[in-house]
Structures are given as structure tokens and as C-alpha cells.
């Protein structure tokens, strides 16, 4: 399986580094509760949850 985190820094208007850090901390904490053996895709949202700024994907390794 492959875990891919794709954050579009250009889609983050204010403090891209801070927002990317917040997103990574959130999902790092969530990984222990996720089924990493099944394919999945989730939207990554900005801190106000009004815009998608990327995706996190679990895919079968090719």
C-alpha cells in the first residue's frame, strides 16, 4: 500500500507553512485509527473548512 499526501500550497492564502503543518499534524494523529490496508481518499481542508487544499490517498502500490 502507498500513502500519498498532496497539499496545494498555492491554494492556501494565509500562512501556507502553518496550514500545511496543521494538516500534517491532524492526519499524523489520525493514521493510527485508519485502516491502512484498504484504498481510500480524503479531502484536505483549510483551517476554516471552506476550501479543499489537497488530498490524502491510500492506494495499492503499483
Protein backbone atom coordinates (compact mmCIF):
# COMPACT_ATOMS: atom_id res chain seq x y z
CA UNK A 1 0.00 0.00 0.00
CA UNK A 2 1.07 3.57 -0.61
CA UNK A 3 0.17 6.69 1.41
CA UNK A 4 0.25 9.95 -0.55
CA UNK A 5 -0.37 13.39 0.91
CA UNK A 6 -0.77 16.16 -1.67
CA UNK A 7 -1.12 19.73 -0.39
CA UNK A 8 -1.51 22.59 -2.89
CA UNK A 9 0.37 25.38 -1.13
CA UNK A 10 -0.83 27.87 -3.75
CA UNK A 11 -4.43 27.16 -2.62
CA UNK A 12 -3.62 28.37 0.90
CA UNK A 13 -3.95 32.16 1.04
CA UNK A 14 -2.61 32.87 4.53
CA UNK A 15 0.41 31.14 6.13
CA UNK A 16 0.92 28.13 3.84
CA UNK A 17 3.61 26.68 6.15
CA UNK A 18 1.37 26.93 9.21
CA UNK A 19 -1.63 25.42 7.40
CA UNK A 20 0.46 22.57 5.96
CA UNK A 21 1.82 21.86 9.45
CA UNK A 22 -1.70 21.79 10.92
CA UNK A 23 -2.88 19.40 8.20
CA UNK A 24 0.10 17.08 8.68
CA UNK A 25 -0.30 17.03 12.48
CA UNK A 26 -4.02 16.22 12.18
CA UNK A 27 -3.54 13.34 9.75
CA UNK A 28 -0.47 12.00 11.58
CA UNK A 29 -2.67 11.63 14.64
CA UNK A 30 -5.50 10.06 12.63
CA UNK A 31 -3.34 7.39 10.96
CA UNK A 32 -3.46 5.07 13.97
CA UNK A 33 -7.27 4.97 13.65
CA UNK A 34 -7.34 4.35 9.90
CA UNK A 35 -7.45 1.04 8.04
CA UNK A 36 -4.21 1.27 6.08
CA UNK A 37 -4.92 -1.98 4.22
CA UNK A 38 -7.88 -0.57 2.26
CA UNK A 39 -7.77 2.01 -0.51
CA UNK A 40 -9.22 5.38 0.49
CA UNK A 41 -9.13 9.05 -0.41
CA UNK A 42 -9.93 12.05 1.80
CA UNK A 43 -10.04 15.76 1.06
CA UNK A 44 -7.63 18.01 2.93
CA UNK A 45 -9.35 21.21 4.00
CA UNK A 46 -8.03 24.58 5.10
CA UNK A 47 -8.44 25.56 8.76
CA UNK A 48 -11.79 27.25 8.16
CA UNK A 49 -13.06 24.18 6.26
CA UNK A 50 -14.32 26.27 3.37
CA UNK A 51 -11.80 25.16 0.73
CA UNK A 52 -10.17 21.91 -0.29
CA UNK A 53 -6.39 22.31 -0.43
CA UNK A 54 -5.31 18.77 -1.24
CA UNK A 55 -5.88 15.06 -0.75
CA UNK A 56 -4.61 12.14 1.27
CA UNK A 57 -4.77 8.79 -0.52
CA UNK A 58 -4.13 5.19 0.40
CA UNK A 59 -3.64 3.15 -2.76
CA UNK A 60 -2.43 -0.28 -3.74
CA UNK A 61 1.25 0.03 -4.58
CA UNK A 62 1.96 -0.38 -8.29
